[in-house]
Amino acid sequence: MGMLKLPEHHNLVWFRASDGFLISSFMVTRDYKREEEILDIPVLLQIHGLLGNFLSRGTPRLLPHALFKRGFSSLSINTRLAFAGQMTSTGIFDDTINDIDAAVGFLAREGFRNIFILGYSLGASMLVNWAAKRDHTNVRALILEGLHYSLPDTKRRIFEKWGSSPSYDEVYGMAKSVLGDDPYSSPRDETIAVYGCTGPSMEPLHDEVYTFKSWWFMIGPEARNAMSYRQMGGVKLPALIIRGESDFLTEEWEPGELARIAREGGNRHVRVREIPNARHECMENADAMLDEIVDMISDYSKD
């Protein structure tokens, strides 16, 4: 069997978070004649969605190459919630802040000075949590695609819509029983399958699997760090919130309300854009989405 050969300017990169978690990533750099040139142009750090990774469908897979054609570089990371991370006790939403720290640190050490960060869906919630608690002089702005007003509220609504088994409240009760008074430090954890929680049948396509810990910190009713409306007031970086006009996971009012919260917190550089002819993944209308991203990068890059 021959070895897989990556195209020129495509690289697989690994680095560790502060707690030792190994982060895999995919870097696509634009064409350049001198290595120094690559550091002068903006780079976009991309964070995946639920059960996502940098090779999954939609935005995570399509965006790096689309940006390459527009003359920009990108680094797409797999956080500890990538792939089936929610099915392991290491897939804790609160800890993904360390993964974003590590990715930003990697790019800064490499010499990139104009870093933009895009989070898609779950990744947008991770990014808001990071930006409310962190700052880095090399990060210029955020792009929040399919951002949930509250990820726990979204998942509760979907569980209740389809009549999941067990129900949202039943999972919460079981999680409290297993994890006790200190869920983060609890030595106990168990796997939980939730049937019929994403569609109208009990077939595997409509089921989801978590551990009680991953469920608790990502979509449980006490997962405050995943409730973007609680974090948005602390976000000081310029932000672009984009939503597909036919998004079936977030509601039309959510981006505007999140922008209002950010502005009330003192952030005067928040934009809200709706992408026509797109659902939750705005890359369904790639040209419109890329135009908004490029405008944001152009407006907030520094020489």
C-alpha atoms as a PDB file:
ATOM      1  CA  MET A   1       0.000   0.000   0.000  1.00  0.00           C
ATOM      2  CA  GLY A   2       1.375   3.411  -0.957  1.00  0.00           C
ATOM      3  CA  MET A   3       1.662   6.189   1.578  1.00  0.00           C
ATOM      4  CA  LEU A   4      -0.798   9.068   1.511  1.00  0.00           C
ATOM      5  CA  LYS A   5       0.876  12.163   0.101  1.00  0.00           C
ATOM      6  CA  LEU A   6      -0.553  15.487   1.229  1.00  0.00           C
ATOM      7  CA  PRO A   7      -0.643  18.324  -1.296  1.00  0.00           C
ATOM      8  CA  GLU A   8       1.975  21.025  -0.951  1.00  0.00           C
ATOM      9  CA  HIS A   9       1.150  23.550   1.794  1.00  0.00           C
ATOM     10  CA  HIS A  10      -1.080  20.989   3.562  1.00  0.00           C
ATOM     11  CA  ASN A  11       0.273  19.725   6.880  1.00  0.00           C
ATOM     12  CA  LEU A  12      -0.880  17.574   9.764  1.00  0.00           C
ATOM     13  CA  VAL A  13       0.230  19.162  13.035  1.00  0.00           C
ATOM     14  CA  TRP A  14       0.109  17.940  16.639  1.00  0.00           C
ATOM     15  CA  PHE A  15       0.601  19.875  19.867  1.00  0.00           C
ATOM     16  CA  ARG A  16      -0.465  19.485  23.488  1.00  0.00           C
ATOM     17  CA  ALA A  17      -2.786  21.481  25.691  1.00  0.00           C
ATOM     18  CA  SER A  18      -1.593  22.603  29.121  1.00  0.00           C
ATOM     19  CA  ASP A  19      -3.183  19.564  30.754  1.00  0.00           C
ATOM     20  CA  GLY A  20      -1.417  17.166  28.383  1.00  0.00           C
ATOM     21  CA  PHE A  21      -4.260  16.495  25.923  1.00  0.00           C
ATOM     22  CA  LEU A  22      -2.854  15.835  22.426  1.00  0.00           C
ATOM     23  CA  ILE A  23      -4.502  18.016  19.775  1.00  0.00           C
ATOM     24  CA  SER A  24      -4.395  16.985  16.135  1.00  0.00           C
ATOM     25  CA  SER A  25      -4.823  19.658  13.507  1.00  0.00           C
ATOM     26  CA  PHE A  26      -4.784  20.295   9.785  1.00  0.00           C
ATOM     27  CA  MET A  27      -2.970  23.333   8.427  1.00  0.00           C
ATOM     28  CA  VAL A  28      -3.450  24.762   4.952  1.00  0.00           C
ATOM     29  CA  THR A  29      -1.156  27.617   4.001  1.00  0.00           C
ATOM     30  CA  ARG A  30      -1.435  29.792   0.927  1.00  0.00           C
ATOM     31  CA  ASP A  31       1.233  29.883  -1.759  1.00  0.00           C
ATOM     32  CA  TYR A  32       4.295  31.930  -0.892  1.00  0.00           C
ATOM     33  CA  LYS A  33       7.779  32.636  -2.210  1.00  0.00           C
ATOM     34  CA  ARG A  34       9.394  33.453   1.141  1.00  0.00           C
ATOM     35  CA  GLU A  35       8.467  31.778   4.435  1.00  0.00           C
ATOM     36  CA  GLU A  36       8.152  35.204   6.052  1.00  0.00           C
ATOM     37  CA  GLU A  37       5.316  36.076   3.672  1.00  0.00           C
ATOM     38  CA  ILE A  38       3.045  33.457   5.187  1.00  0.00           C
ATOM     39  CA  LEU A  39       3.255  35.146   8.595  1.00  0.00           C
ATOM     40  CA  ASP A  40       2.159  38.515   7.244  1.00  0.00           C
ATOM     41  CA  ILE A  41      -1.226  37.334   6.013  1.00  0.00           C
ATOM     42  CA  PRO A  42      -4.191  36.446   8.263  1.00  0.00           C
ATOM     43  CA  VAL A  43      -4.722  32.874   9.404  1.00  0.00           C
ATOM     44  CA  LEU A  44      -8.069  31.457  10.480  1.00  0.00           C
ATOM     45  CA  LEU A  45      -8.232  28.975  13.355  1.00  0.00           C
ATOM     46  CA  GLN A  46     -11.276  26.725  12.924  1.00  0.00           C
ATOM     47  CA  ILE A  47     -13.144  24.811  15.648  1.00  0.00           C
ATOM     48  CA  HIS A  48     -15.515  21.977  14.726  1.00  0.00           C
ATOM     49  CA  GLY A  49     -19.112  21.256  15.762  1.00  0.00           C
ATOM     50  CA  LEU A  50     -20.803  18.350  17.564  1.00  0.00           C
ATOM     51  CA  LEU A  51     -19.332  14.961  16.629  1.00  0.00           C
ATOM     52  CA  GLY A  52     -17.194  16.934  14.221  1.00  0.00           C
ATOM     53  CA  ASN A  53     -13.584  16.939  13.179  1.00  0.00           C
ATOM     54  CA  PHE A  54     -11.493  18.677  10.572  1.00  0.00           C
ATOM     55  CA  LEU A  55     -12.466  16.120   7.930  1.00  0.00           C
ATOM     56  CA  SER A  56     -16.212  16.057   8.582  1.00  0.00           C
ATOM     57  CA  ARG A  57     -18.775  17.326   6.118  1.00  0.00           C
ATOM     58  CA  GLY A  58     -19.832  20.920   5.701  1.00  0.00           C
ATOM     59  CA  THR A  59     -17.925  23.881   7.082  1.00  0.00           C
ATOM     60  CA  PRO A  60     -15.051  22.018   8.830  1.00  0.00           C
ATOM     61  CA  ARG A  61     -14.099  20.160   5.641  1.00  0.00           C
ATOM     62  CA  LEU A  62     -14.913  22.787   3.010  1.00  0.00           C
ATOM     63  CA  LEU A  63     -13.774  26.057   4.555  1.00  0.00           C
ATOM     64  CA  PRO A  64      -9.957  25.594   4.589  1.00  0.00           C
ATOM     65  CA  HIS A  65      -9.749  25.028   0.850  1.00  0.00           C
ATOM     66  CA  ALA A  66     -12.251  27.774   0.105  1.00  0.00           C
ATOM     67  CA  LEU A  67     -10.132  30.189   2.150  1.00  0.00           C
ATOM     68  CA  PHE A  68      -7.005  28.968   0.353  1.00  0.00           C
ATOM     69  CA  LYS A  69      -8.571  30.006  -2.956  1.00  0.00           C
ATOM     70  CA  ARG A  70      -9.209  33.459  -1.463  1.00  0.00           C
ATOM     71  CA  GLY A  71      -5.574  33.779  -0.382  1.00  0.00           C
ATOM     72  CA  PHE A  72      -5.821  32.917   3.325  1.00  0.00           C
ATOM     73  CA  SER A  73      -4.301  30.222   5.514  1.00  0.00           C
ATOM     74  CA  SER A  74      -6.111  28.134   8.143  1.00  0.00           C
ATOM     75  CA  LEU A  75      -5.542  25.770  11.035  1.00  0.00           C
ATOM     76  CA  SER A  76      -8.404  23.367  11.842  1.00  0.00           C
ATOM     77  CA  ILE A  77      -8.143  21.639  15.213  1.00  0.00           C
ATOM     78  CA  ASN A  78      -9.703  18.587  16.780  1.00  0.00           C
ATOM     79  CA  THR A  79     -10.563  19.441  20.365  1.00  0.00           C
ATOM     80  CA  ARG A  80     -11.171  16.824  23.050  1.00  0.00           C
ATOM     81  CA  LEU A  81     -14.822  16.878  21.963  1.00  0.00           C
ATOM     82  CA  ALA A  82     -13.975  15.929  18.358  1.00  0.00           C
ATOM     83  CA  PHE A  83     -15.051  12.627  16.822  1.00  0.00           C
ATOM     84  CA  ALA A  84     -16.648  10.680  19.686  1.00  0.00           C
ATOM     85  CA  GLY A  85     -15.156  12.805  22.465  1.00  0.00           C
ATOM     86  CA  GLN A  86     -18.552  13.190  24.118  1.00  0.00           C
ATOM     87  CA  MET A  87     -18.538   9.420  24.674  1.00  0.00           C
ATOM     88  CA  THR A  88     -15.447   9.583  26.902  1.00  0.00           C
ATOM     89  CA  SER A  89     -14.843  11.165  30.282  1.00  0.00           C
ATOM     90  CA  THR A  90     -12.113  13.328  28.730  1.00  0.00           C
ATOM     91  CA  GLY A  91     -14.646  15.143  26.529  1.00  0.00           C
ATOM     92  CA  ILE A  92     -15.507  17.923  28.973  1.00  0.00           C
ATOM     93  CA  PHE A  93     -16.749  21.187  27.454  1.00  0.00           C
ATOM     94  CA  ASP A  94     -15.143  23.371  30.117  1.00  0.00           C
ATOM     95  CA  ASP A  95     -11.712  21.896  29.369  1.00  0.00           C
ATOM     96  CA  THR A  96     -11.829  22.834  25.671  1.00  0.00           C
ATOM     97  CA  ILE A  97     -10.642  26.285  26.726  1.00  0.00           C
ATOM     98  CA  ASN A  98      -7.220  24.640  27.091  1.00  0.00           C
ATOM     99  CA  ASP A  99      -7.403  23.345  23.512  1.00  0.00           C
ATOM    100  CA  ILE A 100      -8.079  26.803  22.091  1.00  0.00           C
ATOM    101  CA  ASP A 101      -5.316  28.246  24.277  1.00  0.00           C
ATOM    102  CA  ALA A 102      -2.919  25.684  22.843  1.00  0.00           C
ATOM    103  CA  ALA A 103      -3.910  26.356  19.229  1.00  0.00           C
ATOM    104  CA  VAL A 104      -3.599  30.129  19.597  1.00  0.00           C
ATOM    105  CA  GLY A 105      -0.280  29.655  21.368  1.00  0.00           C
ATOM    106  CA  PHE A 106       0.995  27.392  18.597  1.00  0.00           C
ATOM    107  CA  LEU A 107       0.142  29.932  15.895  1.00  0.00           C
ATOM    108  CA  ALA A 108       1.631  32.813  17.886  1.00  0.00           C
ATOM    109  CA  ARG A 109       4.875  30.892  18.496  1.00  0.00           C
ATOM    110  CA  GLU A 110       5.091  30.152  14.786  1.00  0.00           C
ATOM    111  CA  GLY A 111       4.977  33.890  14.204  1.00  0.00           C
ATOM    112  CA  PHE A 112       1.407  34.488  12.994  1.00  0.00           C
ATOM    113  CA  ARG A 113       0.309  37.965  13.996  1.00  0.00           C
ATOM    114  CA  ASN A 114      -3.210  38.180  12.523  1.00  0.00           C
ATOM    115  CA  ILE A 115      -5.189  35.295  14.005  1.00  0.00           C
ATOM    116  CA  PHE A 116      -8.938  35.010  13.438  1.00  0.00           C
ATOM    117  CA  ILE A 117     -10.954  32.229  15.058  1.00  0.00           C
ATOM    118  CA  LEU A 118     -14.093  30.617  13.650  1.00  0.00           C
ATOM    119  CA  GLY A 119     -16.278  28.305  15.692  1.00  0.00           C
ATOM    120  CA  TYR A 120     -19.023  26.269  14.074  1.00  0.00           C
ATOM    121  CA  SER A 121     -22.109  25.347  16.153  1.00  0.00           C
ATOM    122  CA  LEU A 122     -20.720  23.590  19.257  1.00  0.00           C
ATOM    123  CA  GLY A 123     -17.371  25.122  18.312  1.00  0.00           C
ATOM    124  CA  ALA A 124     -18.921  28.589  18.388  1.00  0.00           C
ATOM    125  CA  SER A 125     -20.112  27.933  21.945  1.00  0.00           C
ATOM    126  CA  MET A 126     -16.603  26.765  22.896  1.00  0.00           C
ATOM    127  CA  LEU A 127     -15.163  29.912  21.344  1.00  0.00           C
ATOM    128  CA  VAL A 128     -17.511  32.293  23.184  1.00  0.00           C
ATOM    129  CA  ASN A 129     -16.592  30.608  26.458  1.00  0.00           C
ATOM    130  CA  TRP A 130     -12.890  31.007  25.615  1.00  0.00           C
ATOM    131  CA  ALA A 131     -13.199  34.639  24.513  1.00  0.00           C
ATOM    132  CA  ALA A 132     -15.130  35.625  27.656  1.00  0.00           C
ATOM    133  CA  LYS A 133     -12.227  34.397  29.804  1.00  0.00           C
ATOM    134  CA  ARG A 134      -9.150  34.867  27.646  1.00  0.00           C
ATOM    135  CA  ASP A 135      -7.342  37.506  25.632  1.00  0.00           C
ATOM    136  CA  HIS A 136      -4.397  37.309  23.238  1.00  0.00           C
ATOM    137  CA  THR A 137      -2.757  40.196  21.448  1.00  0.00           C
ATOM    138  CA  ASN A 138      -2.465  38.229  18.194  1.00  0.00           C
ATOM    139  CA  VAL A 139      -6.174  37.357  17.981  1.00  0.00           C
ATOM    140  CA  ARG A 140      -8.032  39.990  15.973  1.00  0.00           C
ATOM    141  CA  ALA A 141     -11.652  38.818  15.797  1.00  0.00           C
ATOM    142  CA  LEU A 142     -14.122  35.957  16.154  1.00  0.00           C
ATOM    143  CA  ILE A 143     -16.477  34.421  13.603  1.00  0.00           C
ATOM    144  CA  LEU A 144     -19.389  32.577  15.197  1.00  0.00           C
ATOM    145  CA  GLU A 145     -21.308  30.330  12.801  1.00  0.00           C
ATOM    146  CA  GLY A 146     -24.533  28.736  13.974  1.00  0.00           C
ATOM    147  CA  LEU A 147     -24.027  30.002  17.522  1.00  0.00           C
ATOM    148  CA  HIS A 148     -26.582  28.770  20.041  1.00  0.00           C
ATOM    149  CA  TYR A 149     -28.052  31.254  22.501  1.00  0.00           C
ATOM    150  CA  SER A 150     -27.799  28.362  24.951  1.00  0.00           C
ATOM    151  CA  LEU A 151     -26.572  24.957  23.830  1.00  0.00           C
ATOM    152  CA  PRO A 152     -28.331  23.229  26.754  1.00  0.00           C
ATOM    153  CA  ASP A 153     -31.629  24.915  25.854  1.00  0.00           C
ATOM    154  CA  THR A 154     -31.240  23.863  22.215  1.00  0.00           C
ATOM    155  CA  LYS A 155     -30.672  20.236  23.167  1.00  0.00           C
ATOM    156  CA  ARG A 156     -33.521  20.213  25.686  1.00  0.00           C
ATOM    157  CA  ARG A 157     -35.838  21.560  22.989  1.00  0.00           C
ATOM    158  CA  ILE A 158     -34.751  18.845  20.538  1.00  0.00           C
ATOM    159  CA  PHE A 159     -35.029  16.046  23.119  1.00  0.00           C
ATOM    160  CA  GLU A 160     -38.546  17.187  23.978  1.00  0.00           C
ATOM    161  CA  LYS A 161     -39.559  17.648  20.345  1.00  0.00           C
ATOM    162  CA  TRP A 162     -38.817  14.015  19.496  1.00  0.00           C
ATOM    163  CA  GLY A 163     -39.758  12.492  22.840  1.00  0.00           C
ATOM    164  CA  SER A 164     -36.342  11.043  23.665  1.00  0.00           C
ATOM    165  CA  SER A 165     -35.900   8.012  25.901  1.00  0.00           C
ATOM    166  CA  PRO A 166     -34.773   8.737  28.532  1.00  0.00           C
ATOM    167  CA  SER A 167     -36.065  12.292  28.576  1.00  0.00           C
ATOM    168  CA  TYR A 168     -33.848  15.312  29.167  1.00  0.00           C
ATOM    169  CA  ASP A 169     -34.981  15.606  32.787  1.00  0.00           C
ATOM    170  CA  GLU A 170     -34.506  11.880  33.348  1.00  0.00           C
ATOM    171  CA  VAL A 171     -30.906  12.062  32.086  1.00  0.00           C
ATOM    172  CA  TYR A 172     -30.326  15.007  34.412  1.00  0.00           C
ATOM    173  CA  GLY A 173     -31.624  13.023  37.376  1.00  0.00           C
ATOM    174  CA  MET A 174     -29.475   9.998  36.530  1.00  0.00           C
ATOM    175  CA  ALA A 175     -26.399  12.207  36.054  1.00  0.00           C
ATOM    176  CA  LYS A 176     -26.885  13.844  39.462  1.00  0.00           C
ATOM    177  CA  SER A 177     -27.213  10.440  41.080  1.00  0.00           C
ATOM    178  CA  VAL A 178     -23.990   9.153  39.508  1.00  0.00           C
ATOM    179  CA  LEU A 179     -21.820  12.278  39.671  1.00  0.00           C
ATOM    180  CA  GLY A 180     -22.817  13.556  43.099  1.00  0.00           C
ATOM    181  CA  ASP A 181     -22.210  17.035  44.478  1.00  0.00           C
ATOM    182  CA  ASP A 182     -18.995  17.724  42.543  1.00  0.00           C
ATOM    183  CA  PRO A 183     -19.529  16.449  38.988  1.00  0.00           C
ATOM    184  CA  TYR A 184     -16.198  17.694  37.652  1.00  0.00           C
ATOM    185  CA  SER A 185     -14.100  15.918  40.278  1.00  0.00           C
ATOM    186  CA  SER A 186     -16.344  12.890  40.640  1.00  0.00           C
ATOM    187  CA  PRO A 187     -14.439   9.605  40.270  1.00  0.00           C
ATOM    188  CA  ARG A 188     -17.609   8.043  38.868  1.00  0.00           C
ATOM    189  CA  ASP A 189     -18.948   8.256  35.347  1.00  0.00           C
ATOM    190  CA  GLU A 190     -21.058   6.074  33.080  1.00  0.00           C
ATOM    191  CA  THR A 191     -22.041   5.891  29.440  1.00  0.00           C
ATOM    192  CA  ILE A 192     -25.612   6.860  28.608  1.00  0.00           C
ATOM    193  CA  ALA A 193     -27.445   6.210  25.349  1.00  0.00           C
ATOM    194  CA  VAL A 194     -30.346   8.540  24.572  1.00  0.00           C
ATOM    195  CA  TYR A 195     -32.737   7.022  22.057  1.00  0.00           C
ATOM    196  CA  GLY A 196     -34.880   8.963  19.619  1.00  0.00           C
ATOM    197  CA  CYS A 197     -33.406  12.314  20.593  1.00  0.00           C
ATOM    198  CA  THR A 198     -32.659  13.741  17.135  1.00  0.00           C
ATOM    199  CA  GLY A 199     -35.438  12.306  14.997  1.00  0.00           C
ATOM    200  CA  PRO A 200     -38.741  10.426  14.893  1.00  0.00           C
ATOM    201  CA  SER A 201     -37.441   6.854  15.332  1.00  0.00           C
ATOM    202  CA  MET A 202     -35.451   4.692  17.726  1.00  0.00           C
ATOM    203  CA  GLU A 203     -32.979   3.775  14.988  1.00  0.00           C
ATOM    204  CA  PRO A 204     -29.273   4.481  15.646  1.00  0.00           C
ATOM    205  CA  LEU A 205     -29.367   7.466  13.285  1.00  0.00           C
ATOM    206  CA  HIS A 206     -31.592   9.291  15.777  1.00  0.00           C
ATOM    207  CA  ASP A 207     -29.738   8.240  18.949  1.00  0.00           C
ATOM    208  CA  GLU A 208     -26.861   9.890  20.785  1.00  0.00           C
ATOM    209  CA  VAL A 209     -24.296   8.541  23.246  1.00  0.00           C
ATOM    210  CA  TYR A 210     -22.613  10.513  26.012  1.00  0.00           C
ATOM    211  CA  THR A 211     -21.000   9.973  29.367  1.00  0.00           C
ATOM    212  CA  PHE A 212     -22.822  11.631  32.222  1.00  0.00           C
ATOM    213  CA  LYS A 213     -19.873  14.004  32.653  1.00  0.00           C
ATOM    214  CA  SER A 214     -19.732  15.064  29.016  1.00  0.00           C
ATOM    215  CA  TRP A 215     -23.529  15.520  28.962  1.00  0.00           C
ATOM    216  CA  TRP A 216     -23.474  17.498  32.212  1.00  0.00           C
ATOM    217  CA  PHE A 217     -20.924  20.074  31.105  1.00  0.00           C
ATOM    218  CA  MET A 218     -22.000  20.372  27.465  1.00  0.00           C
ATOM    219  CA  ILE A 219     -25.797  20.263  27.436  1.00  0.00           C
ATOM    220  CA  GLY A 220     -26.991  19.719  30.997  1.00  0.00           C
ATOM    221  CA  PRO A 221     -29.148  22.400  32.692  1.00  0.00           C
ATOM    222  CA  GLU A 222     -26.183  23.458  34.860  1.00  0.00           C
ATOM    223  CA  ALA A 223     -23.727  23.745  31.917  1.00  0.00           C
ATOM    224  CA  ARG A 224     -23.341  27.504  32.355  1.00  0.00           C
ATOM    225  CA  ASN A 225     -20.195  27.779  30.264  1.00  0.00           C
ATOM    226  CA  ALA A 226     -22.125  26.360  27.283  1.00  0.00           C
ATOM    227  CA  MET A 227     -24.853  28.984  27.691  1.00  0.00           C
ATOM    228  CA  SER A 228     -23.515  31.667  25.373  1.00  0.00           C
ATOM    229  CA  TYR A 229     -25.930  34.305  26.643  1.00  0.00           C
ATOM    230  CA  ARG A 230     -24.176  34.056  30.027  1.00  0.00           C
ATOM    231  CA  GLN A 231     -20.737  34.490  28.451  1.00  0.00           C
ATOM    232  CA  MET A 232     -21.344  36.981  25.643  1.00  0.00           C
ATOM    233  CA  GLY A 233     -21.177  40.050  27.850  1.00  0.00           C
ATOM    234  CA  GLY A 234     -17.546  39.239  28.586  1.00  0.00           C
ATOM    235  CA  VAL A 235     -16.496  38.971  24.939  1.00  0.00           C
ATOM    236  CA  LYS A 236     -14.443  42.041  24.022  1.00  0.00           C
ATOM    237  CA  LEU A 237     -12.984  40.924  20.683  1.00  0.00           C
ATOM    238  CA  PRO A 238     -14.736  42.005  17.478  1.00  0.00           C
ATOM    239  CA  ALA A 239     -17.244  39.354  16.487  1.00  0.00           C
ATOM    240  CA  LEU A 240     -19.209  38.323  13.432  1.00  0.00           C
ATOM    241  CA  ILE A 241     -22.278  36.199  14.194  1.00  0.00           C
ATOM    242  CA  ILE A 242     -23.591  34.380  11.130  1.00  0.00           C
ATOM    243  CA  ARG A 243     -26.691  32.232  10.798  1.00  0.00           C
ATOM    244  CA  GLY A 244     -28.212  30.447   7.816  1.00  0.00           C
ATOM    245  CA  GLU A 245     -31.649  31.820   7.024  1.00  0.00           C
ATOM    246  CA  SER A 246     -33.133  28.298   7.209  1.00  0.00           C
ATOM    247  CA  ASP A 247     -31.188  27.123  10.267  1.00  0.00           C
ATOM    248  CA  PHE A 248     -33.296  24.442  11.968  1.00  0.00           C
ATOM    249  CA  LEU A 249     -31.208  24.295  15.159  1.00  0.00           C
ATOM    250  CA  THR A 250     -31.067  27.954  16.158  1.00  0.00           C
ATOM    251  CA  GLU A 251     -33.928  30.423  16.061  1.00  0.00           C
ATOM    252  CA  GLU A 252     -34.027  33.680  14.132  1.00  0.00           C
ATOM    253  CA  TRP A 253     -33.885  35.925  17.207  1.00  0.00           C
ATOM    254  CA  GLU A 254     -30.792  34.328  18.746  1.00  0.00           C
ATOM    255  CA  PRO A 255     -27.939  36.134  16.888  1.00  0.00           C
ATOM    256  CA  GLY A 256     -29.452  39.580  17.457  1.00  0.00           C
ATOM    257  CA  GLU A 257     -30.011  38.942  21.137  1.00  0.00           C
ATOM    258  CA  LEU A 258     -26.471  37.663  21.622  1.00  0.00           C
ATOM    259  CA  ALA A 259     -25.145  40.727  19.820  1.00  0.00           C
ATOM    260  CA  ARG A 260     -27.215  42.959  22.124  1.00  0.00           C
ATOM    261  CA  ILE A 261     -25.711  41.263  25.190  1.00  0.00           C
ATOM    262  CA  ALA A 262     -22.187  41.772  23.835  1.00  0.00           C
ATOM    263  CA  ARG A 263     -22.849  45.439  23.106  1.00  0.00           C
ATOM    264  CA  GLU A 264     -24.282  45.995  26.578  1.00  0.00           C
ATOM    265  CA  GLY A 265     -21.043  44.490  27.893  1.00  0.00           C
ATOM    266  CA  GLY A 266     -19.105  47.214  26.068  1.00  0.00           C
ATOM    267  CA  ASN A 267     -18.288  45.495  22.763  1.00  0.00           C
ATOM    268  CA  ARG A 268     -19.049  47.950  19.948  1.00  0.00           C
ATOM    269  CA  HIS A 269     -17.667  45.715  17.203  1.00  0.00           C
ATOM    270  CA  VAL A 270     -20.310  43.043  16.755  1.00  0.00           C
ATOM    271  CA  ARG A 271     -21.900  42.221  13.409  1.00  0.00           C
ATOM    272  CA  VAL A 272     -24.871  39.979  12.684  1.00  0.00           C
ATOM    273  CA  ARG A 273     -25.307  38.525   9.223  1.00  0.00           C
ATOM    274  CA  GLU A 274     -27.834  36.099   7.783  1.00  0.00           C
ATOM    275  CA  ILE A 275     -26.639  33.810   5.003  1.00  0.00           C
ATOM    276  CA  PRO A 276     -29.374  33.229   2.388  1.00  0.00           C
ATOM    277  CA  ASN A 277     -30.087  29.766   1.028  1.00  0.00           C
ATOM    278  CA  ALA A 278     -28.283  28.070   3.906  1.00  0.00           C
ATOM    279  CA  ARG A 279     -29.315  25.984   6.888  1.00  0.00           C
ATOM    280  CA  HIS A 280     -27.159  25.368   9.982  1.00  0.00           C
ATOM    281  CA  GLU A 281     -24.041  25.001   7.843  1.00  0.00           C
ATOM    282  CA  CYS A 282     -23.538  28.335   6.129  1.00  0.00           C
ATOM    283  CA  MET A 283     -21.107  26.790   3.643  1.00  0.00           C
ATOM    284  CA  GLU A 284     -24.236  25.619   1.829  1.00  0.00           C
ATOM    285  CA  ASN A 285     -23.960  29.127   0.359  1.00  0.00           C
ATOM    286  CA  ALA A 286     -20.189  29.278   0.251  1.00  0.00           C
ATOM    287  CA  ASP A 287     -19.790  32.515  -1.681  1.00  0.00           C
ATOM    288  CA  ALA A 288     -22.034  34.505   0.650  1.00  0.00           C
ATOM    289  CA  MET A 289     -20.362  33.095   3.755  1.00  0.00           C
ATOM    290  CA  LEU A 290     -16.857  33.649   2.417  1.00  0.00           C
ATOM    291  CA  ASP A 291     -17.688  37.234   1.478  1.00  0.00           C
ATOM    292  CA  GLU A 292     -18.661  37.946   5.096  1.00  0.00           C
ATOM    293  CA  ILE A 293     -15.550  36.231   6.469  1.00  0.00           C
ATOM    294  CA  VAL A 294     -13.225  38.040   4.076  1.00  0.00           C
ATOM    295  CA  ASP A 295     -14.836  41.390   4.930  1.00  0.00           C
ATOM    296  CA  MET A 296     -14.299  40.709   8.627  1.00  0.00           C
ATOM    297  CA  ILE A 297     -10.676  39.679   8.097  1.00  0.00           C
ATOM    298  CA  SER A 298      -9.994  42.697   5.897  1.00  0.00           C
ATOM    299  CA  ASP A 299     -11.507  45.127   8.390  1.00  0.00           C
ATOM    300  CA  TYR A 300      -9.658  43.839  11.474  1.00  0.00           C
ATOM    301  CA  SER A 301      -6.275  42.714  10.165  1.00  0.00           C
ATOM    302  CA  LYS A 302      -3.286  44.748  11.291  1.00  0.00           C
ATOM    303  CA  ASP A 303      -0.149  45.519   9.302  1.00  0.00           C
END
